[in-house]
N, C-alpha and C. Protein backbone atom coordinates (compact mmCIF):
# COMPACT_ATOMS: atom_id res chain seq x y z
N MET A 1 4.40 22.95 -6.39
CA MET A 1 3.07 23.35 -6.00
C MET A 1 2.05 22.31 -6.40
N ALA A 2 2.19 21.72 -7.58
CA ALA A 2 1.22 20.73 -8.05
C ALA A 2 1.19 19.53 -7.10
N ARG A 3 2.34 19.13 -6.58
CA ARG A 3 2.39 17.99 -5.66
C ARG A 3 1.60 18.29 -4.40
N THR A 4 1.72 19.50 -3.87
CA THR A 4 0.97 19.90 -2.67
C THR A 4 -0.53 19.81 -2.94
N ASN A 5 -0.96 20.28 -4.13
CA ASN A 5 -2.37 20.22 -4.47
C ASN A 5 -2.86 18.78 -4.53
N ILE A 6 -2.06 17.90 -5.14
CA ILE A 6 -2.44 16.50 -5.22
C ILE A 6 -2.49 15.88 -3.83
N ASP A 7 -1.50 16.21 -3.00
CA ASP A 7 -1.46 15.69 -1.64
C ASP A 7 -2.69 16.14 -0.85
N LYS A 8 -3.05 17.42 -0.94
CA LYS A 8 -4.22 17.91 -0.21
C LYS A 8 -5.49 17.25 -0.71
N ARG A 9 -5.65 17.16 -2.02
CA ARG A 9 -6.85 16.54 -2.57
C ARG A 9 -6.91 15.07 -2.14
N SER A 10 -5.78 14.39 -2.20
CA SER A 10 -5.72 13.00 -1.79
C SER A 10 -6.07 12.84 -0.31
N ARG A 11 -5.52 13.73 0.52
CA ARG A 11 -5.83 13.68 1.96
C ARG A 11 -7.31 13.93 2.20
N LEU A 12 -7.87 14.89 1.47
CA LEU A 12 -9.31 15.19 1.62
C LEU A 12 -10.16 13.99 1.21
N LEU A 13 -9.80 13.38 0.09
CA LEU A 13 -10.56 12.24 -0.39
C LEU A 13 -10.42 11.06 0.57
N SER A 14 -9.22 10.80 1.05
CA SER A 14 -9.01 9.71 2.02
C SER A 14 -9.82 9.95 3.29
N ALA A 15 -9.80 11.18 3.76
CA ALA A 15 -10.58 11.52 4.95
C ALA A 15 -12.07 11.33 4.69
N ALA A 16 -12.53 11.75 3.52
CA ALA A 16 -13.95 11.60 3.17
C ALA A 16 -14.34 10.13 3.12
N VAL A 17 -13.51 9.31 2.53
CA VAL A 17 -13.79 7.87 2.44
C VAL A 17 -13.90 7.28 3.84
N GLU A 18 -12.92 7.58 4.67
CA GLU A 18 -12.90 7.02 6.03
C GLU A 18 -14.09 7.51 6.86
N LEU A 19 -14.34 8.80 6.83
CA LEU A 19 -15.42 9.35 7.65
C LEU A 19 -16.80 8.91 7.17
N THR A 20 -16.99 8.84 5.86
CA THR A 20 -18.30 8.40 5.37
C THR A 20 -18.51 6.91 5.66
N TYR A 21 -17.45 6.14 5.68
CA TYR A 21 -17.56 4.74 6.05
C TYR A 21 -17.93 4.60 7.52
N GLN A 22 -17.31 5.40 8.37
CA GLN A 22 -17.56 5.33 9.81
C GLN A 22 -18.89 5.95 10.20
N ASN A 23 -19.23 7.09 9.61
CA ASN A 23 -20.36 7.88 10.08
C ASN A 23 -21.51 8.01 9.10
N GLY A 24 -21.28 7.65 7.85
CA GLY A 24 -22.29 7.84 6.81
C GLY A 24 -22.02 9.11 6.02
N PHE A 25 -22.49 9.12 4.79
CA PHE A 25 -22.25 10.26 3.91
C PHE A 25 -22.99 11.50 4.40
N GLU A 26 -24.26 11.35 4.74
CA GLU A 26 -25.05 12.50 5.19
C GLU A 26 -24.51 13.10 6.48
N ALA A 27 -24.09 12.26 7.40
CA ALA A 27 -23.63 12.73 8.70
C ALA A 27 -22.24 13.36 8.66
N THR A 28 -21.51 13.16 7.58
CA THR A 28 -20.16 13.70 7.46
C THR A 28 -20.21 15.07 6.81
N SER A 29 -19.71 16.06 7.49
CA SER A 29 -19.72 17.43 6.96
C SER A 29 -18.39 17.75 6.28
N LEU A 30 -18.41 18.79 5.49
CA LEU A 30 -17.16 19.26 4.87
C LEU A 30 -16.16 19.67 5.94
N ALA A 31 -16.66 20.25 7.03
CA ALA A 31 -15.77 20.64 8.14
C ALA A 31 -15.12 19.40 8.76
N ASP A 32 -15.88 18.33 8.91
CA ASP A 32 -15.32 17.08 9.44
C ASP A 32 -14.19 16.58 8.54
N ILE A 33 -14.45 16.60 7.24
CA ILE A 33 -13.46 16.12 6.27
C ILE A 33 -12.20 16.98 6.32
N ALA A 34 -12.38 18.29 6.36
CA ALA A 34 -11.23 19.21 6.42
C ALA A 34 -10.41 18.97 7.69
N ARG A 35 -11.11 18.82 8.81
CA ARG A 35 -10.43 18.60 10.08
C ARG A 35 -9.64 17.29 10.05
N GLU A 36 -10.25 16.22 9.55
CA GLU A 36 -9.58 14.91 9.49
C GLU A 36 -8.37 14.96 8.56
N ALA A 37 -8.49 15.69 7.45
CA ALA A 37 -7.40 15.79 6.47
C ALA A 37 -6.35 16.82 6.87
N LYS A 38 -6.63 17.58 7.94
CA LYS A 38 -5.73 18.65 8.39
C LYS A 38 -5.52 19.68 7.28
N VAL A 39 -6.66 20.06 6.67
CA VAL A 39 -6.68 21.06 5.60
C VAL A 39 -7.68 22.13 6.03
N PRO A 40 -7.34 23.42 5.89
CA PRO A 40 -8.31 24.46 6.24
C PRO A 40 -9.61 24.28 5.46
N LEU A 41 -10.72 24.52 6.13
CA LEU A 41 -12.04 24.32 5.52
C LEU A 41 -12.17 25.07 4.20
N GLY A 42 -11.67 26.28 4.12
CA GLY A 42 -11.76 27.05 2.88
C GLY A 42 -11.07 26.38 1.71
N ASN A 43 -10.04 25.60 1.99
CA ASN A 43 -9.32 24.90 0.92
C ASN A 43 -10.13 23.75 0.32
N VAL A 44 -11.07 23.21 1.10
CA VAL A 44 -11.89 22.11 0.60
C VAL A 44 -12.57 22.53 -0.70
N TYR A 45 -13.06 23.77 -0.73
CA TYR A 45 -13.82 24.26 -1.89
C TYR A 45 -12.95 24.44 -3.13
N TYR A 46 -11.66 24.50 -2.95
CA TYR A 46 -10.76 24.56 -4.10
C TYR A 46 -10.77 23.23 -4.85
N TYR A 47 -10.87 22.13 -4.09
CA TYR A 47 -10.83 20.79 -4.66
C TYR A 47 -12.21 20.22 -4.95
N PHE A 48 -13.15 20.53 -4.09
CA PHE A 48 -14.51 20.01 -4.21
C PHE A 48 -15.50 21.15 -3.96
N LYS A 49 -16.20 21.55 -4.98
CA LYS A 49 -17.11 22.70 -4.86
C LYS A 49 -18.33 22.37 -4.00
N THR A 50 -18.74 21.10 -4.03
CA THR A 50 -19.93 20.68 -3.28
C THR A 50 -19.66 19.33 -2.62
N LYS A 51 -20.53 18.98 -1.73
CA LYS A 51 -20.43 17.66 -1.10
C LYS A 51 -20.70 16.58 -2.14
N ASP A 52 -21.57 16.86 -3.10
CA ASP A 52 -21.81 15.89 -4.17
C ASP A 52 -20.54 15.60 -4.96
N GLU A 53 -19.69 16.60 -5.14
CA GLU A 53 -18.42 16.36 -5.83
C GLU A 53 -17.53 15.41 -5.03
N ILE A 54 -17.61 15.51 -3.73
CA ILE A 54 -16.87 14.56 -2.88
C ILE A 54 -17.47 13.17 -3.06
N GLY A 55 -18.78 13.09 -3.08
CA GLY A 55 -19.45 11.81 -3.32
C GLY A 55 -19.04 11.20 -4.64
N GLU A 56 -18.99 12.03 -5.69
CA GLU A 56 -18.56 11.56 -7.01
C GLU A 56 -17.12 11.04 -6.96
N ALA A 57 -16.26 11.75 -6.24
CA ALA A 57 -14.86 11.32 -6.12
C ALA A 57 -14.76 9.99 -5.37
N ILE A 58 -15.61 9.80 -4.36
CA ILE A 58 -15.61 8.53 -3.63
C ILE A 58 -16.05 7.41 -4.58
N VAL A 59 -17.08 7.66 -5.38
CA VAL A 59 -17.55 6.66 -6.34
C VAL A 59 -16.41 6.31 -7.31
N GLU A 60 -15.73 7.32 -7.84
CA GLU A 60 -14.62 7.06 -8.78
C GLU A 60 -13.51 6.26 -8.12
N LEU A 61 -13.21 6.56 -6.87
CA LEU A 61 -12.19 5.81 -6.14
C LEU A 61 -12.62 4.37 -5.94
N ARG A 62 -13.87 4.16 -5.57
CA ARG A 62 -14.39 2.80 -5.38
C ARG A 62 -14.35 2.02 -6.70
N LEU A 63 -14.71 2.67 -7.81
CA LEU A 63 -14.65 2.02 -9.12
C LEU A 63 -13.22 1.62 -9.46
N ALA A 64 -12.28 2.51 -9.18
CA ALA A 64 -10.87 2.21 -9.47
C ALA A 64 -10.38 1.04 -8.61
N LYS A 65 -10.76 1.02 -7.33
CA LYS A 65 -10.34 -0.08 -6.46
C LYS A 65 -10.95 -1.40 -6.90
N LEU A 66 -12.21 -1.37 -7.30
CA LEU A 66 -12.86 -2.59 -7.78
C LEU A 66 -12.19 -3.08 -9.06
N SER A 67 -11.83 -2.17 -9.93
CA SER A 67 -11.13 -2.53 -11.17
C SER A 67 -9.80 -3.20 -10.85
N ALA A 68 -9.07 -2.66 -9.90
CA ALA A 68 -7.79 -3.24 -9.49
C ALA A 68 -7.99 -4.64 -8.89
N GLN A 69 -9.05 -4.78 -8.09
CA GLN A 69 -9.34 -6.10 -7.53
C GLN A 69 -9.66 -7.10 -8.63
N ARG A 70 -10.49 -6.68 -9.58
CA ARG A 70 -10.84 -7.58 -10.69
C ARG A 70 -9.59 -8.01 -11.46
N GLN A 71 -8.65 -7.10 -11.64
CA GLN A 71 -7.40 -7.46 -12.32
C GLN A 71 -6.66 -8.54 -11.54
N ARG A 72 -6.62 -8.41 -10.21
CA ARG A 72 -5.96 -9.44 -9.38
C ARG A 72 -6.71 -10.77 -9.48
N TRP A 73 -8.05 -10.71 -9.38
CA TRP A 73 -8.84 -11.93 -9.47
C TRP A 73 -8.67 -12.60 -10.83
N ASN A 74 -8.55 -11.80 -11.88
CA ASN A 74 -8.41 -12.35 -13.22
C ASN A 74 -7.11 -13.13 -13.40
N GLU A 75 -6.15 -12.94 -12.50
CA GLU A 75 -4.89 -13.68 -12.56
C GLU A 75 -5.06 -15.13 -12.11
N ALA A 76 -6.18 -15.42 -11.42
CA ALA A 76 -6.43 -16.80 -10.99
C ALA A 76 -6.70 -17.66 -12.22
N GLY A 77 -6.39 -18.94 -12.11
CA GLY A 77 -6.42 -19.82 -13.27
C GLY A 77 -7.74 -19.99 -13.98
N SER A 78 -8.77 -20.39 -13.28
CA SER A 78 -10.03 -20.73 -13.93
C SER A 78 -11.13 -19.76 -13.46
N PRO A 79 -12.27 -19.77 -14.13
CA PRO A 79 -13.39 -18.93 -13.66
C PRO A 79 -13.79 -19.27 -12.22
N LYS A 80 -13.77 -20.55 -11.87
CA LYS A 80 -14.09 -20.94 -10.49
C LYS A 80 -13.07 -20.33 -9.51
N ASP A 81 -11.79 -20.39 -9.90
CA ASP A 81 -10.75 -19.80 -9.05
C ASP A 81 -10.93 -18.30 -8.92
N ARG A 82 -11.32 -17.65 -10.01
CA ARG A 82 -11.54 -16.20 -9.97
C ARG A 82 -12.72 -15.85 -9.07
N LEU A 83 -13.80 -16.62 -9.17
CA LEU A 83 -14.96 -16.37 -8.30
C LEU A 83 -14.61 -16.63 -6.84
N CYS A 84 -13.85 -17.67 -6.60
CA CYS A 84 -13.42 -17.96 -5.22
C CYS A 84 -12.51 -16.85 -4.69
N ALA A 85 -11.68 -16.29 -5.55
CA ALA A 85 -10.82 -15.16 -5.13
C ALA A 85 -11.68 -13.96 -4.75
N CYS A 86 -12.75 -13.74 -5.49
CA CYS A 86 -13.68 -12.66 -5.17
C CYS A 86 -14.31 -12.90 -3.80
N VAL A 87 -14.76 -14.11 -3.55
CA VAL A 87 -15.35 -14.46 -2.25
C VAL A 87 -14.30 -14.35 -1.15
N GLN A 88 -13.07 -14.74 -1.45
CA GLN A 88 -11.99 -14.64 -0.47
C GLN A 88 -11.77 -13.20 -0.03
N GLY A 89 -11.96 -12.26 -0.96
CA GLY A 89 -11.85 -10.84 -0.61
C GLY A 89 -12.84 -10.44 0.47
N VAL A 90 -14.04 -11.00 0.42
CA VAL A 90 -15.04 -10.75 1.46
C VAL A 90 -14.55 -11.33 2.78
N PHE A 91 -14.05 -12.56 2.73
CA PHE A 91 -13.53 -13.20 3.94
C PHE A 91 -12.41 -12.37 4.57
N GLU A 92 -11.49 -11.90 3.74
CA GLU A 92 -10.36 -11.13 4.26
C GLU A 92 -10.79 -9.81 4.89
N ASN A 93 -11.97 -9.35 4.57
CA ASN A 93 -12.49 -8.10 5.09
C ASN A 93 -13.49 -8.33 6.23
N LYS A 94 -13.56 -9.55 6.75
CA LYS A 94 -14.61 -9.93 7.69
C LYS A 94 -14.65 -9.08 8.96
N ASP A 95 -13.51 -8.69 9.47
CA ASP A 95 -13.51 -7.91 10.71
C ASP A 95 -14.08 -6.51 10.49
N CYS A 96 -13.70 -5.89 9.38
CA CYS A 96 -14.27 -4.57 9.05
C CYS A 96 -15.76 -4.68 8.78
N LEU A 97 -16.16 -5.75 8.11
CA LEU A 97 -17.59 -5.95 7.82
C LEU A 97 -18.38 -6.07 9.12
N ALA A 98 -17.85 -6.81 10.08
CA ALA A 98 -18.54 -6.97 11.36
C ALA A 98 -18.61 -5.66 12.14
N GLN A 99 -17.59 -4.85 12.01
CA GLN A 99 -17.54 -3.59 12.76
C GLN A 99 -18.36 -2.49 12.10
N LEU A 100 -18.21 -2.31 10.78
CA LEU A 100 -18.81 -1.15 10.11
C LEU A 100 -19.69 -1.47 8.91
N GLY A 101 -19.76 -2.74 8.52
CA GLY A 101 -20.53 -3.10 7.33
C GLY A 101 -19.68 -2.96 6.08
N CYS A 102 -20.29 -3.24 4.95
CA CYS A 102 -19.60 -3.16 3.67
C CYS A 102 -19.44 -1.71 3.25
N GLN A 103 -18.23 -1.31 2.93
CA GLN A 103 -17.97 0.07 2.50
C GLN A 103 -18.83 0.46 1.32
N VAL A 104 -18.89 -0.40 0.33
CA VAL A 104 -19.64 -0.09 -0.88
C VAL A 104 -21.13 -0.21 -0.64
N GLY A 105 -21.55 -1.30 -0.01
CA GLY A 105 -22.98 -1.53 0.22
C GLY A 105 -23.63 -0.45 1.06
N THR A 106 -22.99 -0.07 2.16
CA THR A 106 -23.59 0.96 3.01
C THR A 106 -23.58 2.32 2.32
N PHE A 107 -22.52 2.61 1.60
CA PHE A 107 -22.41 3.88 0.87
C PHE A 107 -23.52 3.98 -0.18
N CYS A 108 -23.65 2.94 -1.00
CA CYS A 108 -24.67 2.95 -2.06
C CYS A 108 -26.08 2.99 -1.48
N SER A 109 -26.31 2.21 -0.45
CA SER A 109 -27.63 2.18 0.17
C SER A 109 -28.01 3.55 0.72
N GLU A 110 -27.09 4.18 1.41
CA GLU A 110 -27.37 5.50 1.97
C GLU A 110 -27.62 6.53 0.86
N LEU A 111 -26.79 6.51 -0.16
CA LEU A 111 -26.97 7.46 -1.26
C LEU A 111 -28.31 7.27 -1.94
N HIS A 112 -28.74 6.04 -2.12
CA HIS A 112 -30.00 5.78 -2.81
C HIS A 112 -31.21 6.20 -1.99
N LYS A 113 -31.09 6.28 -0.70
CA LYS A 113 -32.19 6.79 0.12
C LYS A 113 -32.43 8.25 -0.17
N ALA A 114 -31.36 8.98 -0.42
CA ALA A 114 -31.47 10.42 -0.70
C ALA A 114 -31.72 10.68 -2.19
N GLY A 115 -31.29 9.76 -3.04
CA GLY A 115 -31.45 9.93 -4.49
C GLY A 115 -30.44 10.94 -5.04
N GLY A 116 -30.60 11.28 -6.29
CA GLY A 116 -29.75 12.28 -6.92
C GLY A 116 -28.68 11.68 -7.80
N PRO A 117 -27.90 12.55 -8.44
CA PRO A 117 -26.91 12.09 -9.42
C PRO A 117 -25.78 11.24 -8.84
N VAL A 118 -25.38 11.50 -7.61
CA VAL A 118 -24.30 10.69 -7.01
C VAL A 118 -24.82 9.27 -6.78
N ALA A 119 -26.05 9.15 -6.33
CA ALA A 119 -26.64 7.82 -6.13
C ALA A 119 -26.71 7.07 -7.46
N THR A 120 -27.13 7.77 -8.49
CA THR A 120 -27.21 7.15 -9.81
C THR A 120 -25.83 6.67 -10.26
N ARG A 121 -24.83 7.48 -10.06
CA ARG A 121 -23.46 7.12 -10.45
C ARG A 121 -22.94 5.96 -9.61
N ALA A 122 -23.31 5.93 -8.33
CA ALA A 122 -22.84 4.86 -7.44
C ALA A 122 -23.37 3.49 -7.86
N THR A 123 -24.49 3.47 -8.56
CA THR A 123 -25.05 2.22 -9.07
C THR A 123 -24.03 1.48 -9.93
N GLU A 124 -23.16 2.24 -10.59
CA GLU A 124 -22.16 1.66 -11.48
C GLU A 124 -21.20 0.73 -10.73
N ILE A 125 -20.99 0.97 -9.44
CA ILE A 125 -20.07 0.13 -8.67
C ILE A 125 -20.60 -1.31 -8.66
N PHE A 126 -21.85 -1.46 -8.25
CA PHE A 126 -22.44 -2.81 -8.22
C PHE A 126 -22.69 -3.35 -9.62
N ALA A 127 -23.04 -2.48 -10.56
CA ALA A 127 -23.29 -2.94 -11.92
C ALA A 127 -22.03 -3.57 -12.52
N GLN A 128 -20.89 -2.93 -12.32
CA GLN A 128 -19.63 -3.48 -12.84
C GLN A 128 -19.26 -4.78 -12.13
N HIS A 129 -19.48 -4.81 -10.82
CA HIS A 129 -19.15 -6.01 -10.05
C HIS A 129 -20.04 -7.18 -10.51
N LEU A 130 -21.32 -6.91 -10.65
CA LEU A 130 -22.26 -7.94 -11.09
C LEU A 130 -21.91 -8.43 -12.50
N ALA A 131 -21.56 -7.51 -13.38
CA ALA A 131 -21.20 -7.89 -14.76
C ALA A 131 -19.96 -8.78 -14.77
N TRP A 132 -18.97 -8.46 -13.94
CA TRP A 132 -17.76 -9.29 -13.88
C TRP A 132 -18.10 -10.70 -13.37
N ILE A 133 -18.89 -10.77 -12.30
CA ILE A 133 -19.28 -12.07 -11.75
C ILE A 133 -20.04 -12.87 -12.81
N GLU A 134 -20.97 -12.21 -13.49
CA GLU A 134 -21.72 -12.88 -14.56
C GLU A 134 -20.79 -13.41 -15.65
N SER A 135 -19.78 -12.63 -16.00
CA SER A 135 -18.85 -13.07 -17.05
C SER A 135 -18.10 -14.33 -16.63
N GLN A 136 -17.85 -14.48 -15.35
CA GLN A 136 -17.18 -15.68 -14.86
C GLN A 136 -18.09 -16.90 -14.97
N PHE A 137 -19.38 -16.71 -14.65
CA PHE A 137 -20.32 -17.82 -14.79
C PHE A 137 -20.51 -18.17 -16.27
N ARG A 138 -20.48 -17.16 -17.14
CA ARG A 138 -20.56 -17.44 -18.58
C ARG A 138 -19.34 -18.25 -19.03
N ALA A 139 -18.18 -17.89 -18.51
CA ALA A 139 -16.96 -18.63 -18.86
C ALA A 139 -17.01 -20.06 -18.34
N LEU A 140 -17.82 -20.30 -17.32
CA LEU A 140 -18.02 -21.66 -16.80
C LEU A 140 -19.04 -22.43 -17.63
N GLY A 141 -19.62 -21.75 -18.63
CA GLY A 141 -20.60 -22.41 -19.49
C GLY A 141 -22.01 -22.40 -18.94
N LYS A 142 -22.32 -21.46 -18.06
CA LYS A 142 -23.64 -21.42 -17.44
C LYS A 142 -24.68 -20.68 -18.28
N GLY A 143 -24.27 -20.11 -19.41
CA GLY A 143 -25.19 -19.52 -20.37
C GLY A 143 -26.22 -18.59 -19.78
N LYS A 144 -27.50 -18.87 -20.07
CA LYS A 144 -28.59 -17.97 -19.65
C LYS A 144 -28.78 -17.94 -18.13
N ASP A 145 -28.23 -18.91 -17.42
CA ASP A 145 -28.31 -18.91 -15.96
C ASP A 145 -27.26 -18.01 -15.31
N SER A 146 -26.34 -17.51 -16.10
CA SER A 146 -25.21 -16.74 -15.56
C SER A 146 -25.64 -15.52 -14.79
N ASN A 147 -26.61 -14.79 -15.28
CA ASN A 147 -27.05 -13.59 -14.57
C ASN A 147 -27.67 -13.95 -13.23
N GLY A 148 -28.52 -14.94 -13.20
CA GLY A 148 -29.14 -15.36 -11.93
C GLY A 148 -28.12 -15.85 -10.92
N LEU A 149 -27.15 -16.61 -11.41
CA LEU A 149 -26.09 -17.09 -10.52
C LEU A 149 -25.27 -15.92 -9.97
N ALA A 150 -25.01 -14.93 -10.83
CA ALA A 150 -24.25 -13.75 -10.40
C ALA A 150 -25.02 -12.96 -9.35
N VAL A 151 -26.31 -12.78 -9.59
CA VAL A 151 -27.14 -12.07 -8.60
C VAL A 151 -27.15 -12.83 -7.29
N HIS A 152 -27.26 -14.16 -7.37
CA HIS A 152 -27.25 -14.99 -6.15
C HIS A 152 -25.94 -14.80 -5.37
N LEU A 153 -24.82 -14.87 -6.07
CA LEU A 153 -23.53 -14.76 -5.39
C LEU A 153 -23.33 -13.37 -4.79
N LEU A 154 -23.61 -12.34 -5.55
CA LEU A 154 -23.44 -10.98 -5.02
C LEU A 154 -24.40 -10.73 -3.86
N SER A 155 -25.63 -11.22 -3.97
CA SER A 155 -26.60 -11.07 -2.89
C SER A 155 -26.12 -11.78 -1.63
N ALA A 156 -25.56 -12.97 -1.78
CA ALA A 156 -25.05 -13.71 -0.62
C ALA A 156 -23.91 -12.95 0.05
N MET A 157 -23.00 -12.41 -0.76
CA MET A 157 -21.87 -11.67 -0.18
C MET A 157 -22.34 -10.40 0.52
N GLN A 158 -23.27 -9.68 -0.09
CA GLN A 158 -23.79 -8.47 0.55
C GLN A 158 -24.64 -8.80 1.76
N GLY A 159 -25.43 -9.87 1.64
CA GLY A 159 -26.29 -10.27 2.75
C GLY A 159 -25.51 -10.64 3.99
N VAL A 160 -24.45 -11.42 3.81
CA VAL A 160 -23.66 -11.81 4.97
C VAL A 160 -22.93 -10.60 5.55
N SER A 161 -22.62 -9.62 4.71
CA SER A 161 -22.01 -8.38 5.22
C SER A 161 -22.97 -7.65 6.14
N VAL A 162 -24.23 -7.57 5.72
CA VAL A 162 -25.25 -6.90 6.55
C VAL A 162 -25.43 -7.66 7.87
N LEU A 163 -25.54 -8.98 7.78
CA LEU A 163 -25.73 -9.77 8.99
C LEU A 163 -24.54 -9.68 9.93
N ALA A 164 -23.33 -9.75 9.38
CA ALA A 164 -22.12 -9.65 10.21
C ALA A 164 -22.09 -8.31 10.93
N HIS A 165 -22.46 -7.26 10.23
CA HIS A 165 -22.48 -5.94 10.86
C HIS A 165 -23.58 -5.86 11.91
N THR A 166 -24.75 -6.36 11.58
CA THR A 166 -25.87 -6.32 12.52
C THR A 166 -25.54 -7.04 13.82
N PHE A 167 -24.95 -8.23 13.70
CA PHE A 167 -24.64 -9.04 14.87
C PHE A 167 -23.21 -8.84 15.38
N HIS A 168 -22.43 -7.98 14.70
CA HIS A 168 -21.02 -7.77 15.05
C HIS A 168 -20.31 -9.11 15.18
N ASP A 169 -20.49 -9.95 14.14
CA ASP A 169 -19.97 -11.31 14.19
C ASP A 169 -19.26 -11.65 12.87
N SER A 170 -17.94 -11.57 12.90
CA SER A 170 -17.17 -11.89 11.69
C SER A 170 -17.21 -13.37 11.36
N GLY A 171 -17.58 -14.20 12.34
CA GLY A 171 -17.71 -15.63 12.09
C GLY A 171 -18.77 -15.95 11.06
N LEU A 172 -19.81 -15.12 10.99
CA LEU A 172 -20.83 -15.32 9.96
C LEU A 172 -20.22 -15.22 8.57
N VAL A 173 -19.32 -14.27 8.39
CA VAL A 173 -18.65 -14.10 7.10
C VAL A 173 -17.77 -15.31 6.82
N ALA A 174 -17.05 -15.76 7.83
CA ALA A 174 -16.16 -16.91 7.65
C ALA A 174 -16.96 -18.14 7.21
N ARG A 175 -18.07 -18.39 7.88
CA ARG A 175 -18.87 -19.58 7.55
C ARG A 175 -19.51 -19.46 6.16
N GLU A 176 -20.07 -18.29 5.85
CA GLU A 176 -20.76 -18.13 4.58
C GLU A 176 -19.79 -18.12 3.40
N THR A 177 -18.64 -17.51 3.55
CA THR A 177 -17.69 -17.51 2.44
C THR A 177 -17.16 -18.93 2.19
N LYS A 178 -17.02 -19.71 3.23
CA LYS A 178 -16.61 -21.11 3.06
C LYS A 178 -17.68 -21.86 2.26
N ARG A 179 -18.95 -21.65 2.61
CA ARG A 179 -20.05 -22.29 1.88
C ARG A 179 -20.09 -21.85 0.43
N LEU A 180 -19.89 -20.54 0.21
CA LEU A 180 -19.94 -20.02 -1.16
C LEU A 180 -18.82 -20.61 -2.00
N LYS A 181 -17.64 -20.73 -1.44
CA LYS A 181 -16.54 -21.32 -2.21
C LYS A 181 -16.82 -22.79 -2.53
N SER A 182 -17.40 -23.51 -1.60
CA SER A 182 -17.77 -24.91 -1.87
C SER A 182 -18.83 -24.99 -2.95
N TRP A 183 -19.80 -24.10 -2.90
CA TRP A 183 -20.85 -24.05 -3.93
C TRP A 183 -20.25 -23.78 -5.29
N ILE A 184 -19.35 -22.80 -5.37
CA ILE A 184 -18.71 -22.46 -6.65
C ILE A 184 -17.95 -23.67 -7.19
N GLN A 185 -17.20 -24.33 -6.33
CA GLN A 185 -16.40 -25.49 -6.78
C GLN A 185 -17.30 -26.64 -7.24
N SER A 186 -18.52 -26.71 -6.71
CA SER A 186 -19.43 -27.81 -7.09
C SER A 186 -20.12 -27.58 -8.43
N LEU A 187 -20.03 -26.38 -8.96
CA LEU A 187 -20.73 -26.07 -10.22
C LEU A 187 -20.09 -26.76 -11.41
């Protein structure tokens, strides 16, 4: 029985992630999530009492995925290699970015328009990402400039994601990530 519960919760969360990415958090209803997960609507409330609980679960999932990515990036040899691996992740996602925008960026932006505790919690996704990027610049010996460099890099990655989505052009991501990697290597 426990496995069935985990499977249903996992299906509901996967459906919520996919639907909120495609349609937005506000536009996605609990009924939509239940239908996509092939779970009766009444069962949704067993796993998630409110839509905010689903939002919190999406934030936790995003944090876990970012943590796993950071672990992979940390396997690269030098801080420059780790930063380039981070930028490469944006490149590898270029087609999705052109079609639907950044999963994290659009989710956080939408949540912050509405405000509330889920939006506040979602801030942690970018805060952790920014802190990791800053730590790489510190490891490169950039000292007090590390935070500014981290903000610049994260802003460039998010900015090109917005532009790629706006123009439906994955080539923008390809060109900008190439420039960012060259910039990192020149530091």
